[in-house]
Amino acid sequence: DDDLIGCAFAAVVDEQTMAPDTFYVMTWKRGSQSSGGLLAEEGIKLLRVEGAAGFADSLYGVLWDGETTPSVSVLDSHLGDDAGWTVGVTYTATIHQHTESGQIDLTVTRDSDAAILWQTSMVDPSPLPAGRVGFYNQTQPLTYYSARDLSGFLPDRAYRLTVTSGTGGLTDTEGQPIDGNADGTAEDG
């Protein structure tokens, strides 16, 4: 099938319906397709969706043809021949949402050769706060996601140090292994 796969992020849930109401979504269509008056173009789109709790039953059309829905803004896109995903290929999508500045950085690479298929950086003038993350496969039952990392980003001029000790890892000044739980076993990091 040529349908969509993708990731929604910064999702704010409507308290009454418990449905995602406002969020960003990266949609990726394998090939261009039209159905029921809707046109879904081959490629990747970064959308901002607002008020989705009111039309959750018709979200399919919103993701397919976002430009025709007033509550959807297309923030950026990479469309055209050879912009769709390919069956049996593994990709990595990296999304950095900077909640204070509204900047969203998105990079999609093909794992086999590390080729960058699309890279964009844009600023939403009304940025959404951090929120829930979800993945979807529209009629793509064999799509799976792995190695999801929801790492937080630090403000400018701030640093985070992550240390893992193991065999041949960190030692104190007297050569004793340093580990995270002080049991003396360096291998448990």
N, C-alpha and C. Protein backbone atom coordinates (compact mmCIF):
# COMPACT_ATOMS: atom_id res chain seq x y z
N ASP A 1 0.85 -1.18 0.00
CA ASP A 1 0.00 0.00 0.00
C ASP A 1 0.89 1.24 0.00
N ASP A 2 0.32 2.38 -0.35
CA ASP A 2 1.08 3.63 -0.41
C ASP A 2 0.76 4.58 0.73
N ASP A 3 0.19 4.08 1.82
CA ASP A 3 -0.30 4.97 2.86
C ASP A 3 0.78 5.55 3.75
N LEU A 4 0.32 6.25 4.79
CA LEU A 4 1.18 7.04 5.65
C LEU A 4 1.78 6.27 6.82
N ILE A 5 2.96 6.70 7.19
CA ILE A 5 3.55 6.35 8.47
C ILE A 5 3.98 7.68 9.08
N GLY A 6 4.19 7.72 10.37
CA GLY A 6 4.63 8.98 10.93
C GLY A 6 4.66 9.04 12.43
N CYS A 7 4.90 10.25 12.92
CA CYS A 7 5.07 10.50 14.34
C CYS A 7 4.37 11.80 14.71
N ALA A 8 3.55 11.73 15.76
CA ALA A 8 2.95 12.93 16.34
C ALA A 8 3.71 13.25 17.61
N PHE A 9 3.93 14.53 17.87
CA PHE A 9 4.65 14.92 19.08
C PHE A 9 4.11 16.24 19.60
N ALA A 10 4.45 16.55 20.84
CA ALA A 10 3.94 17.73 21.54
C ALA A 10 2.42 17.68 21.63
N ALA A 11 1.88 16.49 21.78
CA ALA A 11 0.41 16.32 21.80
C ALA A 11 -0.15 16.74 23.14
N VAL A 12 -1.12 17.64 23.07
CA VAL A 12 -1.87 18.07 24.24
C VAL A 12 -3.22 17.38 24.18
N VAL A 13 -3.61 16.69 25.23
CA VAL A 13 -4.82 15.88 25.25
C VAL A 13 -6.00 16.70 25.78
N ASP A 14 -7.14 16.62 25.09
CA ASP A 14 -8.38 17.24 25.54
C ASP A 14 -8.87 16.48 26.78
N GLU A 15 -9.09 17.17 27.87
CA GLU A 15 -9.45 16.52 29.14
C GLU A 15 -10.81 15.84 29.10
N GLN A 16 -11.74 16.33 28.27
CA GLN A 16 -13.07 15.72 28.21
C GLN A 16 -13.10 14.48 27.32
N THR A 17 -12.49 14.56 26.16
CA THR A 17 -12.54 13.43 25.22
C THR A 17 -11.34 12.50 25.35
N MET A 18 -10.28 12.97 26.02
CA MET A 18 -9.01 12.24 26.16
C MET A 18 -8.37 11.98 24.79
N ALA A 19 -8.78 12.73 23.79
CA ALA A 19 -8.20 12.61 22.44
C ALA A 19 -7.13 13.70 22.28
N PRO A 20 -6.09 13.43 21.48
CA PRO A 20 -5.11 14.48 21.20
C PRO A 20 -5.80 15.65 20.53
N ASP A 21 -5.56 16.85 21.03
CA ASP A 21 -6.26 18.03 20.52
C ASP A 21 -5.35 18.91 19.67
N THR A 22 -4.19 19.22 20.17
CA THR A 22 -3.25 20.07 19.45
C THR A 22 -1.90 19.36 19.46
N PHE A 23 -1.25 19.30 18.29
CA PHE A 23 0.02 18.58 18.20
C PHE A 23 0.72 18.88 16.88
N TYR A 24 1.99 18.51 16.83
CA TYR A 24 2.74 18.50 15.58
C TYR A 24 2.71 17.06 15.07
N VAL A 25 2.79 16.91 13.77
CA VAL A 25 2.85 15.56 13.22
C VAL A 25 3.73 15.56 11.96
N MET A 26 4.61 14.56 11.90
CA MET A 26 5.38 14.32 10.70
C MET A 26 4.68 13.18 9.97
N THR A 27 4.19 13.44 8.76
CA THR A 27 3.57 12.39 7.97
C THR A 27 4.51 12.04 6.82
N TRP A 28 4.52 10.76 6.45
CA TRP A 28 5.38 10.33 5.35
C TRP A 28 4.57 9.39 4.47
N LYS A 29 4.29 9.83 3.25
CA LYS A 29 3.47 9.10 2.29
C LYS A 29 4.38 8.41 1.29
N ARG A 30 4.14 7.13 1.07
CA ARG A 30 4.99 6.35 0.15
C ARG A 30 4.83 6.81 -1.30
N GLY A 31 3.60 7.02 -1.73
CA GLY A 31 3.35 7.44 -3.11
C GLY A 31 2.11 8.31 -3.18
N SER A 32 2.02 9.17 -4.18
CA SER A 32 0.85 10.03 -4.33
C SER A 32 -0.39 9.19 -4.59
N GLN A 33 -1.51 9.63 -4.06
CA GLN A 33 -2.74 8.85 -4.14
C GLN A 33 -3.92 9.79 -3.92
N SER A 34 -5.03 9.54 -4.60
CA SER A 34 -6.25 10.32 -4.35
C SER A 34 -7.40 9.36 -4.03
N SER A 35 -8.27 9.83 -3.13
CA SER A 35 -9.40 9.01 -2.71
C SER A 35 -10.46 9.91 -2.10
N GLY A 36 -11.69 9.77 -2.57
CA GLY A 36 -12.80 10.53 -2.00
C GLY A 36 -12.61 12.03 -2.04
N GLY A 37 -11.98 12.53 -3.07
CA GLY A 37 -11.75 13.96 -3.18
C GLY A 37 -10.51 14.46 -2.44
N LEU A 38 -9.82 13.57 -1.77
CA LEU A 38 -8.61 13.95 -1.05
C LEU A 38 -7.38 13.56 -1.87
N LEU A 39 -6.35 14.37 -1.80
CA LEU A 39 -5.09 14.09 -2.48
C LEU A 39 -3.98 13.99 -1.46
N ALA A 40 -3.33 12.88 -1.40
CA ALA A 40 -2.17 12.69 -0.54
C ALA A 40 -0.94 12.62 -1.43
N GLU A 41 -0.02 13.54 -1.21
CA GLU A 41 1.16 13.63 -2.05
C GLU A 41 2.31 12.80 -1.50
N GLU A 42 3.09 12.24 -2.39
CA GLU A 42 4.27 11.48 -2.00
C GLU A 42 5.25 12.40 -1.29
N GLY A 43 5.73 11.95 -0.15
CA GLY A 43 6.76 12.71 0.56
C GLY A 43 6.43 12.94 2.02
N ILE A 44 7.17 13.86 2.60
CA ILE A 44 7.12 14.13 4.03
C ILE A 44 6.53 15.52 4.26
N LYS A 45 5.67 15.60 5.28
CA LYS A 45 5.12 16.89 5.69
C LYS A 45 5.26 17.03 7.20
N LEU A 46 5.52 18.25 7.62
CA LEU A 46 5.50 18.59 9.03
C LEU A 46 4.30 19.49 9.23
N LEU A 47 3.33 19.01 10.00
CA LEU A 47 2.06 19.72 10.18
C LEU A 47 1.88 20.15 11.63
N ARG A 48 1.11 21.21 11.82
CA ARG A 48 0.63 21.62 13.14
C ARG A 48 -0.88 21.46 13.09
N VAL A 49 -1.44 20.66 14.00
CA VAL A 49 -2.87 20.38 14.03
C VAL A 49 -3.45 21.00 15.30
N GLU A 50 -4.57 21.72 15.15
CA GLU A 50 -5.23 22.34 16.30
C GLU A 50 -6.69 21.93 16.33
N GLY A 51 -7.21 21.70 17.52
CA GLY A 51 -8.62 21.37 17.67
C GLY A 51 -8.99 20.00 17.14
N ALA A 52 -8.07 19.07 17.15
CA ALA A 52 -8.30 17.75 16.57
C ALA A 52 -9.31 16.93 17.37
N ALA A 53 -9.48 17.22 18.65
CA ALA A 53 -10.43 16.45 19.46
C ALA A 53 -11.84 16.56 18.88
N GLY A 54 -12.13 17.67 18.22
CA GLY A 54 -13.44 17.87 17.62
C GLY A 54 -13.65 17.11 16.33
N PHE A 55 -12.58 16.67 15.69
CA PHE A 55 -12.72 15.93 14.44
C PHE A 55 -11.86 14.67 14.43
N ALA A 56 -11.68 14.05 15.59
CA ALA A 56 -10.83 12.87 15.71
C ALA A 56 -11.26 11.74 14.78
N ASP A 57 -12.56 11.62 14.52
CA ASP A 57 -13.04 10.56 13.64
C ASP A 57 -12.62 10.76 12.20
N SER A 58 -12.32 12.01 11.81
CA SER A 58 -11.92 12.28 10.43
C SER A 58 -10.45 12.64 10.33
N LEU A 59 -9.66 12.23 11.29
CA LEU A 59 -8.24 12.54 11.29
C LEU A 59 -7.52 11.97 10.07
N TYR A 60 -8.03 10.87 9.54
CA TYR A 60 -7.47 10.25 8.34
C TYR A 60 -7.33 11.28 7.22
N GLY A 61 -8.40 12.02 6.95
CA GLY A 61 -8.38 13.02 5.89
C GLY A 61 -7.43 14.17 6.18
N VAL A 62 -7.32 14.53 7.45
CA VAL A 62 -6.43 15.62 7.84
C VAL A 62 -4.98 15.24 7.56
N LEU A 63 -4.62 14.03 7.91
CA LEU A 63 -3.24 13.61 7.68
C LEU A 63 -2.96 13.40 6.20
N TRP A 64 -3.97 12.98 5.45
CA TRP A 64 -3.81 12.76 4.02
C TRP A 64 -3.67 14.06 3.26
N ASP A 65 -4.53 15.01 3.54
CA ASP A 65 -4.63 16.22 2.73
C ASP A 65 -4.73 17.43 3.64
N GLY A 66 -3.69 17.67 4.43
CA GLY A 66 -3.72 18.72 5.45
C GLY A 66 -3.96 20.12 4.95
N GLU A 67 -3.58 20.40 3.72
CA GLU A 67 -3.71 21.76 3.21
C GLU A 67 -5.16 22.23 3.09
N THR A 68 -6.10 21.30 3.05
CA THR A 68 -7.49 21.68 2.84
C THR A 68 -8.27 21.83 4.15
N THR A 69 -7.63 21.64 5.28
CA THR A 69 -8.31 21.72 6.57
C THR A 69 -7.85 22.98 7.29
N PRO A 70 -8.80 23.87 7.66
CA PRO A 70 -8.42 25.14 8.29
C PRO A 70 -7.64 24.98 9.60
N SER A 71 -7.83 23.90 10.31
CA SER A 71 -7.16 23.72 11.60
C SER A 71 -5.78 23.06 11.46
N VAL A 72 -5.31 22.92 10.23
CA VAL A 72 -4.00 22.31 9.98
C VAL A 72 -3.12 23.31 9.24
N SER A 73 -1.90 23.46 9.74
CA SER A 73 -0.91 24.30 9.07
C SER A 73 0.22 23.42 8.60
N VAL A 74 0.59 23.55 7.35
CA VAL A 74 1.76 22.84 6.84
C VAL A 74 2.96 23.72 7.14
N LEU A 75 3.80 23.26 8.08
CA LEU A 75 4.96 24.04 8.49
C LEU A 75 6.11 23.91 7.51
N ASP A 76 6.24 22.73 6.91
CA ASP A 76 7.27 22.50 5.91
C ASP A 76 6.98 21.16 5.24
N SER A 77 7.54 20.95 4.06
CA SER A 77 7.30 19.69 3.36
C SER A 77 8.44 19.38 2.40
N HIS A 78 8.55 18.11 2.10
CA HIS A 78 9.49 17.60 1.10
C HIS A 78 8.68 16.62 0.25
N LEU A 79 8.21 17.07 -0.91
CA LEU A 79 7.29 16.29 -1.73
C LEU A 79 7.88 16.03 -3.11
N GLY A 80 7.31 15.05 -3.79
CA GLY A 80 7.71 14.78 -5.17
C GLY A 80 8.17 13.35 -5.36
N ASP A 81 8.49 13.05 -6.62
CA ASP A 81 8.99 11.71 -6.95
C ASP A 81 10.22 11.39 -6.11
N ASP A 82 10.31 10.18 -5.66
CA ASP A 82 11.43 9.69 -4.85
C ASP A 82 11.50 10.33 -3.46
N ALA A 83 10.42 10.98 -2.99
CA ALA A 83 10.40 11.54 -1.64
C ALA A 83 9.65 10.62 -0.67
N GLY A 84 9.04 9.55 -1.19
CA GLY A 84 8.29 8.62 -0.34
C GLY A 84 9.18 7.57 0.28
N TRP A 85 8.64 6.88 1.26
CA TRP A 85 9.39 5.79 1.91
C TRP A 85 9.37 4.56 1.02
N THR A 86 10.29 3.65 1.26
CA THR A 86 10.43 2.44 0.46
C THR A 86 10.24 1.22 1.34
N VAL A 87 9.51 0.25 0.84
CA VAL A 87 9.27 -1.00 1.57
C VAL A 87 10.60 -1.69 1.87
N GLY A 88 10.74 -2.18 3.10
CA GLY A 88 11.92 -2.96 3.48
C GLY A 88 13.15 -2.14 3.81
N VAL A 89 13.04 -0.83 3.82
CA VAL A 89 14.18 0.03 4.12
C VAL A 89 14.01 0.58 5.53
N THR A 90 15.11 0.63 6.27
CA THR A 90 15.09 1.17 7.63
C THR A 90 15.55 2.62 7.59
N TYR A 91 14.80 3.49 8.27
CA TYR A 91 15.09 4.91 8.32
C TYR A 91 15.23 5.37 9.76
N THR A 92 15.90 6.49 9.95
CA THR A 92 15.95 7.15 11.24
C THR A 92 15.42 8.56 11.05
N ALA A 93 14.43 8.90 11.85
CA ALA A 93 13.90 10.26 11.87
C ALA A 93 14.29 10.88 13.20
N THR A 94 14.94 12.01 13.15
CA THR A 94 15.35 12.71 14.35
C THR A 94 14.59 14.03 14.40
N ILE A 95 13.85 14.22 15.48
CA ILE A 95 13.07 15.45 15.65
C ILE A 95 13.52 16.11 16.94
N HIS A 96 13.96 17.35 16.84
CA HIS A 96 14.31 18.15 18.02
C HIS A 96 13.29 19.28 18.10
N GLN A 97 12.52 19.29 19.16
CA GLN A 97 11.56 20.37 19.39
C GLN A 97 12.11 21.26 20.50
N HIS A 98 12.41 22.49 20.17
CA HIS A 98 12.90 23.46 21.14
C HIS A 98 11.67 24.25 21.61
N THR A 99 11.14 23.90 22.78
CA THR A 99 9.85 24.45 23.20
C THR A 99 9.90 25.94 23.48
N GLU A 100 11.02 26.47 23.92
CA GLU A 100 11.07 27.90 24.23
C GLU A 100 11.14 28.76 22.98
N SER A 101 11.95 28.37 22.02
CA SER A 101 12.13 29.19 20.82
C SER A 101 11.13 28.86 19.72
N GLY A 102 10.50 27.68 19.80
CA GLY A 102 9.58 27.25 18.76
C GLY A 102 10.26 26.60 17.57
N GLN A 103 11.58 26.43 17.65
CA GLN A 103 12.32 25.82 16.55
C GLN A 103 12.11 24.31 16.55
N ILE A 104 11.89 23.76 15.36
CA ILE A 104 11.78 22.32 15.17
C ILE A 104 12.79 21.92 14.11
N ASP A 105 13.68 21.01 14.48
CA ASP A 105 14.68 20.48 13.56
C ASP A 105 14.28 19.05 13.23
N LEU A 106 14.22 18.72 11.96
CA LEU A 106 13.81 17.39 11.53
C LEU A 106 14.79 16.87 10.49
N THR A 107 15.31 15.67 10.72
CA THR A 107 16.21 15.03 9.78
C THR A 107 15.74 13.60 9.57
N VAL A 108 15.64 13.17 8.32
CA VAL A 108 15.29 11.79 7.98
C VAL A 108 16.45 11.23 7.19
N THR A 109 17.00 10.10 7.69
CA THR A 109 18.12 9.46 7.02
C THR A 109 17.80 8.00 6.72
N ARG A 110 18.43 7.48 5.70
CA ARG A 110 18.34 6.06 5.36
C ARG A 110 19.49 5.37 6.08
N ASP A 111 19.19 4.35 6.88
CA ASP A 111 20.20 3.72 7.71
C ASP A 111 21.30 3.01 6.93
N SER A 112 20.97 2.41 5.79
CA SER A 112 21.95 1.59 5.07
C SER A 112 23.17 2.37 4.61
N ASP A 113 23.00 3.65 4.26
CA ASP A 113 24.14 4.44 3.78
C ASP A 113 24.24 5.80 4.46
N ALA A 114 23.40 6.03 5.48
CA ALA A 114 23.38 7.29 6.24
C ALA A 114 23.06 8.50 5.36
N ALA A 115 22.42 8.27 4.22
CA ALA A 115 22.06 9.38 3.33
C ALA A 115 20.95 10.21 3.97
N ILE A 116 21.11 11.52 3.96
CA ILE A 116 20.08 12.42 4.47
C ILE A 116 19.04 12.60 3.37
N LEU A 117 17.82 12.14 3.64
CA LEU A 117 16.75 12.25 2.66
C LEU A 117 16.03 13.59 2.75
N TRP A 118 15.95 14.12 3.96
CA TRP A 118 15.37 15.46 4.15
C TRP A 118 15.84 16.01 5.47
N GLN A 119 16.16 17.29 5.44
CA GLN A 119 16.58 17.98 6.64
C GLN A 119 15.99 19.37 6.60
N THR A 120 15.33 19.76 7.69
CA THR A 120 14.73 21.08 7.75
C THR A 120 14.83 21.62 9.16
N SER A 121 14.79 22.92 9.26
CA SER A 121 14.73 23.61 10.53
C SER A 121 13.80 24.79 10.34
N MET A 122 12.77 24.85 11.16
CA MET A 122 11.81 25.95 11.02
C MET A 122 11.39 26.41 12.40
N VAL A 123 10.76 27.59 12.47
CA VAL A 123 10.31 28.14 13.74
C VAL A 123 8.81 28.34 13.69
N ASP A 124 8.11 27.76 14.67
CA ASP A 124 6.68 27.99 14.85
C ASP A 124 6.55 29.22 15.74
N PRO A 125 5.92 30.30 15.25
CA PRO A 125 5.82 31.52 16.06
C PRO A 125 4.98 31.35 17.33
N SER A 126 4.15 30.32 17.37
CA SER A 126 3.35 30.03 18.57
C SER A 126 3.66 28.60 19.00
N PRO A 127 4.84 28.37 19.57
CA PRO A 127 5.28 26.99 19.83
C PRO A 127 4.40 26.27 20.85
N LEU A 128 4.26 24.98 20.61
CA LEU A 128 3.53 24.11 21.54
C LEU A 128 4.48 23.67 22.65
N PRO A 129 3.93 23.40 23.83
CA PRO A 129 4.78 22.88 24.90
C PRO A 129 5.12 21.42 24.63
N ALA A 130 6.03 20.89 25.40
CA ALA A 130 6.34 19.47 25.30
C ALA A 130 5.06 18.69 25.63
N GLY A 131 4.87 17.56 24.99
CA GLY A 131 3.67 16.77 25.23
C GLY A 131 3.89 15.32 24.88
N ARG A 132 2.81 14.62 24.70
CA ARG A 132 2.88 13.18 24.40
C ARG A 132 3.40 12.94 22.98
N VAL A 133 3.92 11.73 22.78
CA VAL A 133 4.46 11.32 21.49
C VAL A 133 3.72 10.06 21.07
N GLY A 134 3.41 9.95 19.79
CA GLY A 134 2.75 8.75 19.29
C GLY A 134 3.20 8.46 17.87
N PHE A 135 3.05 7.21 17.48
CA PHE A 135 3.42 6.77 16.13
C PHE A 135 2.21 6.16 15.47
N TYR A 136 2.13 6.21 14.17
CA TYR A 136 1.00 5.62 13.48
C TYR A 136 1.45 5.00 12.16
N ASN A 137 0.71 4.00 11.75
CA ASN A 137 0.94 3.31 10.49
C ASN A 137 -0.44 3.17 9.85
N GLN A 138 -0.75 3.97 8.89
CA GLN A 138 -2.05 3.89 8.25
C GLN A 138 -2.05 2.75 7.25
N THR A 139 -2.70 1.66 7.59
CA THR A 139 -2.78 0.41 6.81
C THR A 139 -1.39 -0.15 6.49
N GLN A 140 -0.46 0.00 7.41
CA GLN A 140 0.89 -0.53 7.25
C GLN A 140 1.21 -1.44 8.43
N PRO A 141 0.64 -2.64 8.47
CA PRO A 141 0.78 -3.49 9.66
C PRO A 141 2.20 -4.00 9.92
N LEU A 142 3.08 -3.97 8.95
CA LEU A 142 4.42 -4.49 9.16
C LEU A 142 5.44 -3.41 9.51
N THR A 143 4.97 -2.17 9.71
CA THR A 143 5.86 -1.09 10.11
C THR A 143 6.09 -1.19 11.61
N TYR A 144 7.31 -1.01 12.04
CA TYR A 144 7.60 -1.02 13.46
C TYR A 144 8.60 0.08 13.79
N TYR A 145 8.61 0.46 15.05
CA TYR A 145 9.49 1.52 15.52
C TYR A 145 10.38 0.95 16.61
N SER A 146 11.64 1.34 16.59
CA SER A 146 12.57 0.85 17.61
C SER A 146 13.47 1.99 18.03
N ALA A 147 14.12 1.80 19.15
CA ALA A 147 15.12 2.74 19.66
C ALA A 147 14.59 4.15 19.80
N ARG A 148 13.36 4.27 20.28
CA ARG A 148 12.80 5.60 20.52
C ARG A 148 13.53 6.22 21.70
N ASP A 149 14.01 7.43 21.54
CA ASP A 149 14.75 8.12 22.58
C ASP A 149 14.12 9.49 22.77
N LEU A 150 13.49 9.69 23.91
CA LEU A 150 12.88 10.98 24.22
C LEU A 150 13.81 11.76 25.12
N SER A 151 14.95 12.12 24.59
CA SER A 151 15.94 12.83 25.40
C SER A 151 15.59 14.31 25.48
N GLY A 152 15.77 14.85 26.66
CA GLY A 152 15.54 16.29 26.84
C GLY A 152 16.75 17.07 26.37
N PHE A 153 16.53 18.26 25.93
CA PHE A 153 17.61 19.11 25.48
C PHE A 153 17.82 20.21 26.50
N LEU A 154 19.05 20.62 26.63
CA LEU A 154 19.42 21.62 27.61
C LEU A 154 19.50 22.99 26.95
N PRO A 155 19.28 24.04 27.73
CA PRO A 155 19.41 25.39 27.16
C PRO A 155 20.85 25.68 26.76
N ASP A 156 21.05 26.72 25.94
CA ASP A 156 22.38 27.10 25.51
C ASP A 156 23.31 27.26 26.69
N ARG A 157 24.55 26.89 26.51
CA ARG A 157 25.62 26.99 27.49
C ARG A 157 25.41 26.09 28.71
N ALA A 158 24.54 25.09 28.60
CA ALA A 158 24.37 24.10 29.66
C ALA A 158 24.86 22.77 29.12
N TYR A 159 25.42 21.94 29.98
CA TYR A 159 25.99 20.69 29.55
C TYR A 159 25.51 19.54 30.42
N ARG A 160 25.40 18.38 29.85
CA ARG A 160 25.03 17.18 30.59
C ARG A 160 26.13 16.15 30.35
N LEU A 161 26.58 15.54 31.42
CA LEU A 161 27.61 14.52 31.32
C LEU A 161 26.99 13.20 31.73
N THR A 162 27.02 12.23 30.84
CA THR A 162 26.54 10.88 31.15
C THR A 162 27.75 9.96 31.15
N VAL A 163 27.93 9.25 32.24
CA VAL A 163 29.09 8.40 32.38
C VAL A 163 28.63 6.97 32.63
N THR A 164 29.19 6.03 31.89
CA THR A 164 28.92 4.62 32.12
C THR A 164 30.25 3.94 32.36
N SER A 165 30.34 3.22 33.45
CA SER A 165 31.58 2.53 33.77
C SER A 165 31.42 1.06 33.47
N GLY A 166 32.46 0.43 33.04
CA GLY A 166 32.44 -1.00 32.76
C GLY A 166 33.84 -1.54 32.86
N THR A 167 34.07 -2.74 32.40
CA THR A 167 35.40 -3.31 32.42
C THR A 167 36.34 -2.36 31.70
N GLY A 168 37.39 -1.99 32.38
CA GLY A 168 38.31 -1.01 31.80
C GLY A 168 37.72 0.38 31.82
N GLY A 169 36.67 0.56 32.62
CA GLY A 169 35.98 1.84 32.67
C GLY A 169 36.61 2.80 33.66
N LEU A 170 35.80 3.60 34.29
CA LEU A 170 36.29 4.63 35.19
C LEU A 170 36.80 4.04 36.49
N THR A 171 37.89 4.63 36.98
CA THR A 171 38.42 4.24 38.29
C THR A 171 38.73 5.49 39.08
N ASP A 172 38.78 5.33 40.40
CA ASP A 172 39.17 6.46 41.23
C ASP A 172 40.68 6.63 41.17
N THR A 173 41.22 7.58 41.94
CA THR A 173 42.65 7.87 41.87
C THR A 173 43.51 6.71 42.36
N GLU A 174 42.90 5.75 43.09
CA GLU A 174 43.65 4.60 43.58
C GLU A 174 43.42 3.35 42.72
N GLY A 175 42.75 3.50 41.58
CA GLY A 175 42.55 2.40 40.66
C GLY A 175 41.34 1.54 40.95
N GLN A 176 40.50 1.91 41.91
CA GLN A 176 39.30 1.15 42.22
C GLN A 176 38.18 1.53 41.25
N PRO A 177 37.40 0.52 40.77
CA PRO A 177 36.31 0.83 39.83
C PRO A 177 35.25 1.73 40.47
N ILE A 178 34.74 2.64 39.68
CA ILE A 178 33.66 3.53 40.11
C ILE A 178 32.41 3.06 39.38
N ASP A 179 31.34 2.86 40.11
CA ASP A 179 30.09 2.48 39.47
C ASP A 179 28.94 3.29 40.05
N GLY A 180 27.76 3.13 39.49
CA GLY A 180 26.61 3.93 39.87
C GLY A 180 25.97 3.56 41.18
N ASN A 181 26.17 2.33 41.70
CA ASN A 181 25.47 1.96 42.92
C ASN A 181 26.41 1.57 44.05
N ALA A 182 27.67 1.84 43.92
CA ALA A 182 28.68 1.66 44.96
C ALA A 182 28.78 0.22 45.47
N ASP A 183 28.45 -0.76 44.61
CA ASP A 183 28.59 -2.15 45.07
C ASP A 183 29.96 -2.72 44.71
N GLY A 184 30.80 -1.88 44.07
CA GLY A 184 32.14 -2.32 43.74
C GLY A 184 32.26 -3.07 42.44
N THR A 185 31.15 -3.32 41.75
CA THR A 185 31.17 -4.02 40.47
C THR A 185 31.13 -3.00 39.34
N ALA A 186 32.21 -2.89 38.61
CA ALA A 186 32.30 -1.87 37.57
C ALA A 186 31.40 -2.17 36.38
N GLU A 187 31.09 -3.44 36.16
CA GLU A 187 30.37 -3.82 34.95
C GLU A 187 28.92 -3.34 34.92
N ASP A 188 28.33 -2.93 36.05
CA ASP A 188 26.91 -2.61 36.02
C ASP A 188 26.62 -1.16 35.71
N GLY A 189 27.61 -0.34 35.39
CA GLY A 189 27.44 1.01 34.88
C GLY A 189 26.64 1.96 35.65
